[in-house]
Protein backbone atom coordinates (compact mmCIF):
# COMPACT_ATOMS: atom_id res chain seq x y z
CA UNK A 1 0.00 0.00 0.00
CA UNK A 2 1.58 3.20 -1.20
CA UNK A 3 0.01 5.48 1.39
CA UNK A 4 1.05 8.84 -0.17
CA UNK A 5 -0.59 7.81 -3.46
CA UNK A 6 -3.69 6.45 -1.71
CA UNK A 7 -4.00 9.68 0.27
CA UNK A 8 -3.80 11.77 -2.92
CA UNK A 9 -6.45 9.59 -4.57
CA UNK A 10 -8.69 9.79 -1.52
CA UNK A 11 -8.35 13.58 -1.32
CA UNK A 12 -9.17 13.96 -5.02
CA UNK A 13 -12.55 12.29 -4.56
CA UNK A 14 -11.51 9.02 -6.13
CA UNK A 15 -13.92 6.07 -6.17
CA UNK A 16 -13.88 3.51 -3.36
CA UNK A 17 -10.83 1.34 -2.78
CA UNK A 18 -11.67 -2.38 -2.91
CA UNK A 19 -9.48 -4.26 -0.46
CA UNK A 20 -9.13 -7.63 1.24
CA UNK A 21 -10.87 -8.07 4.58
CA UNK A 22 -9.20 -6.11 7.37
CA UNK A 23 -7.35 -3.69 5.10
CA UNK A 24 -10.30 -1.30 5.33
CA UNK A 25 -9.59 -0.84 9.06
CA UNK A 26 -5.94 -0.08 8.31
CA UNK A 27 -6.93 2.53 5.70
CA UNK A 28 -9.50 4.05 8.04
CA UNK A 29 -6.79 4.54 10.69
CA UNK A 30 -4.73 6.30 7.99
CA UNK A 31 -7.75 8.51 7.05
CA UNK A 32 -7.86 7.03 3.55
CA UNK A 33 -11.02 5.87 1.89
CA UNK A 34 -13.69 5.02 1.43
CA UNK A 35 -12.52 1.41 1.43
CA UNK A 36 -14.79 -1.54 0.67
CA UNK A 37 -13.64 -4.84 2.22
CA UNK A 38 -14.08 -7.99 0.15
CA UNK A 39 -13.72 -11.63 1.11
CA UNK A 40 -12.49 -14.13 -1.51
CA UNK A 41 -15.19 -14.71 -4.16
CA UNK A 42 -17.10 -11.64 -3.05
CA UNK A 43 -17.91 -8.96 -5.64
CA UNK A 44 -19.33 -5.48 -6.00
CA UNK A 45 -20.93 -3.79 -9.00
CA UNK A 46 -19.05 -1.15 -10.96
CA UNK A 47 -20.30 1.27 -13.63
CA UNK A 48 -21.17 -0.01 -17.12
CA UNK A 49 -22.33 -3.41 -15.88
CA UNK A 50 -18.87 -4.44 -14.67
CA UNK A 51 -18.04 -6.19 -11.38
CA UNK A 52 -14.92 -6.30 -9.24
CA UNK A 53 -14.23 -9.66 -7.58
CA UNK A 54 -11.79 -10.54 -4.83
CA UNK A 55 -10.04 -13.83 -5.62
CA UNK A 56 -7.58 -16.03 -3.71
CA UNK A 57 -3.84 -15.55 -3.75
CA UNK A 58 -1.09 -17.37 -1.89
CA UNK A 59 0.92 -14.94 0.22
CA UNK A 60 1.26 -13.80 3.82
CA UNK A 61 -0.04 -10.38 4.81
CA UNK A 62 1.36 -7.75 7.15
CA UNK A 63 1.07 -3.98 7.42
CA UNK A 64 3.25 -3.77 10.52
CA UNK A 65 5.33 -5.92 12.85
CA UNK A 66 2.46 -7.31 14.91
CA UNK A 67 -0.30 -8.06 12.37
CA UNK A 68 1.08 -11.05 10.40
CA UNK A 69 -1.82 -12.67 8.48
CA UNK A 70 -4.39 -10.46 10.24
CA UNK A 71 -5.75 -9.15 6.90
CA UNK A 72 -6.87 -11.04 3.82
CA UNK A 73 -4.46 -11.18 0.89
CA UNK A 74 -5.88 -11.61 -2.58
CA UNK A 75 -6.04 -10.72 -6.22
CA UNK A 76 -8.85 -9.16 -8.25
CA UNK A 77 -10.92 -9.89 -11.33
CA UNK A 78 -12.69 -7.18 -13.30
CA UNK A 79 -15.57 -8.84 -15.12
CA UNK A 80 -17.58 -7.26 -17.92
CA UNK A 81 -21.33 -7.68 -18.26
CA UNK A 82 -20.61 -10.10 -21.11
CA UNK A 83 -18.32 -12.30 -18.99
CA UNK A 84 -14.92 -11.18 -20.32
CA UNK A 85 -12.42 -10.80 -17.48
CA UNK A 86 -9.17 -9.12 -16.55
CA UNK A 87 -7.33 -10.96 -13.79
CA UNK A 88 -4.87 -9.08 -11.57
CA UNK A 89 -2.95 -11.67 -9.55
CA UNK A 90 -1.33 -9.17 -7.23
CA UNK A 91 1.51 -10.81 -5.34
CA UNK A 92 1.16 -14.58 -5.19
CA UNK A 93 2.87 -17.91 -5.09
CA UNK A 94 1.82 -20.84 -7.24
CA UNK A 95 -1.18 -22.82 -6.06
CA UNK A 96 -4.61 -24.28 -6.81
CA UNK A 97 -6.17 -20.79 -6.87
CA UNK A 98 -5.25 -20.42 -10.57
CA UNK A 99 -7.42 -23.44 -11.45
CA UNK A 100 -10.26 -22.16 -9.25
CA UNK A 101 -10.13 -18.74 -10.94
CA UNK A 102 -10.09 -20.35 -14.40
CA UNK A 103 -13.23 -22.34 -13.54
CA UNK A 104 -15.12 -19.28 -12.31
CA UNK A 105 -13.89 -16.97 -15.06
CA UNK A 106 -13.48 -19.01 -18.26
CA UNK A 107 -12.93 -15.93 -20.45
CA UNK A 108 -9.79 -14.27 -19.09
CA UNK A 109 -8.86 -11.81 -21.82
CA UNK A 110 -5.87 -10.45 -19.88
CA UNK A 111 -3.98 -11.89 -16.90
CA UNK A 112 -1.61 -9.54 -15.06
CA UNK A 113 0.96 -11.79 -13.40
CA UNK A 114 3.93 -11.14 -11.10
CA UNK A 115 7.38 -12.49 -12.00
CA UNK A 116 9.93 -10.73 -9.78
CA UNK A 117 11.43 -11.36 -6.35
CA UNK A 118 11.49 -15.05 -7.27
CA UNK A 119 15.02 -15.87 -6.07
CA UNK A 120 16.08 -17.73 -4.02
CA UNK A 121 13.39 -20.25 -4.95
CA UNK A 122 13.68 -22.19 -1.67
CA UNK A 123 12.56 -19.05 0.16
CA UNK A 124 10.41 -17.16 -2.37
CA UNK A 125 8.44 -19.96 -4.07
CA UNK A 126 5.58 -20.10 -1.52
CA UNK A 127 4.76 -16.40 -2.01
CA UNK A 128 6.16 -15.30 -5.41
CA UNK A 129 5.78 -16.95 -8.78
CA UNK A 130 8.71 -16.56 -11.13
CA UNK A 131 8.89 -16.58 -14.93
CA UNK A 132 8.37 -20.36 -15.29
CA UNK A 133 5.33 -20.33 -12.99
CA UNK A 134 3.92 -17.28 -14.79
CA UNK A 135 3.90 -19.26 -18.05
CA UNK A 136 2.14 -22.13 -16.27
CA UNK A 137 -0.36 -19.75 -14.65
CA UNK A 138 -1.10 -18.15 -18.05
CA UNK A 139 -1.87 -21.59 -19.47
CA UNK A 140 -3.85 -22.78 -16.42
CA UNK A 141 -5.98 -19.64 -16.53
CA UNK A 142 -6.60 -20.12 -20.24
CA UNK A 143 -5.72 -16.44 -20.63
CA UNK A 144 -5.91 -14.96 -24.10
CA UNK A 145 -2.85 -12.84 -23.24
CA UNK A 146 -0.86 -11.87 -20.18
CA UNK A 147 1.19 -8.94 -19.00
CA UNK A 148 3.86 -9.32 -16.34
CA UNK A 149 4.59 -7.05 -13.38
CA UNK A 150 6.32 -7.06 -9.98
CA UNK A 151 9.86 -6.51 -11.25
CA UNK A 152 12.26 -3.67 -11.92
CA UNK A 153 11.14 -1.26 -9.20
CA UNK A 154 12.43 -2.45 -5.82
CA UNK A 155 15.19 -5.00 -5.10
CA UNK A 156 12.98 -7.48 -3.22
CA UNK A 157 14.85 -10.70 -3.96
CA UNK A 158 18.17 -12.04 -5.17
CA UNK A 159 17.04 -11.69 -8.82
CA UNK A 160 17.51 -7.92 -8.84
CA UNK A 161 15.87 -5.61 -11.36
CA UNK A 162 16.29 -7.34 -14.73
CA UNK A 163 16.77 -11.07 -14.18
CA UNK A 164 13.04 -11.95 -14.10
CA UNK A 165 12.10 -10.26 -17.42
CA UNK A 166 15.29 -11.47 -19.10
CA UNK A 167 14.69 -15.05 -17.93
CA UNK A 168 11.06 -14.89 -19.07
CA UNK A 169 12.13 -13.56 -22.46
CA UNK A 170 14.62 -16.44 -22.80
CA UNK A 171 11.98 -19.00 -21.81
CA UNK A 172 9.45 -17.60 -24.30
CA UNK A 173 12.08 -17.49 -27.05
CA UNK A 174 12.97 -21.14 -26.47
CA UNK A 175 9.40 -22.31 -27.17
CA UNK A 176 8.24 -23.18 -30.67
CA UNK A 177 6.19 -20.28 -32.03
CA UNK A 178 3.05 -22.44 -32.11
CA UNK A 179 3.41 -23.08 -28.35
CA UNK A 180 4.53 -19.59 -27.30
CA UNK A 181 1.95 -17.88 -25.07
CA UNK A 182 1.08 -14.22 -25.70
CA UNK A 183 2.89 -12.70 -22.71
CA UNK A 184 3.95 -9.06 -22.79
CA UNK A 185 6.96 -7.84 -20.79
CA UNK A 186 6.45 -4.06 -20.52
CA UNK A 187 9.35 -1.63 -20.33
CA UNK A 188 9.41 1.09 -17.68
CA UNK A 189 6.54 3.47 -18.37
CA UNK A 190 5.39 1.57 -21.46
CA UNK A 191 1.67 1.18 -22.09
CA UNK A 192 -0.49 -0.86 -24.42
CA UNK A 193 -4.17 -0.99 -25.30
CA UNK A 194 -5.85 -4.37 -24.99
């Protein structure tokens, strides 16, 4: 939670912040909001017939030194009225939640998947997928395309700033073109319309 950014959004009259259970209390203490808490598989309506869903992720949570796993960690799905979905994994390790999400949302048009802070694997694997797991998650989700994130900003693991996208690029390049998933590795500040 980038509190300075959330404060600016809150002060500018931004729409509600949808958060995992318990995070609303944290934001309230920080005078940021309004925040709408969501449990896994809970949703709320958005304009234009869309819905925001909270979905499972595999990660610990903590906002301080004494609240380990006191708040719900999760990802989000934005679902259109027609059933097309954008899945934002957030920060997650590999697990059965990808299959569960694929069953509930069979038309994932875009999956936004983390790839960084994946080394050392013995320590990071439970909470951070790396490039190999991102390819598997893309396939498990049946995503039409994916975009990767969670790299290149903060040195959170032994992989540093560039190892995750470089490794993913190498992995994708080693696959036959007919088997290569549509996964975009954005550059800093780069955007794309989907």
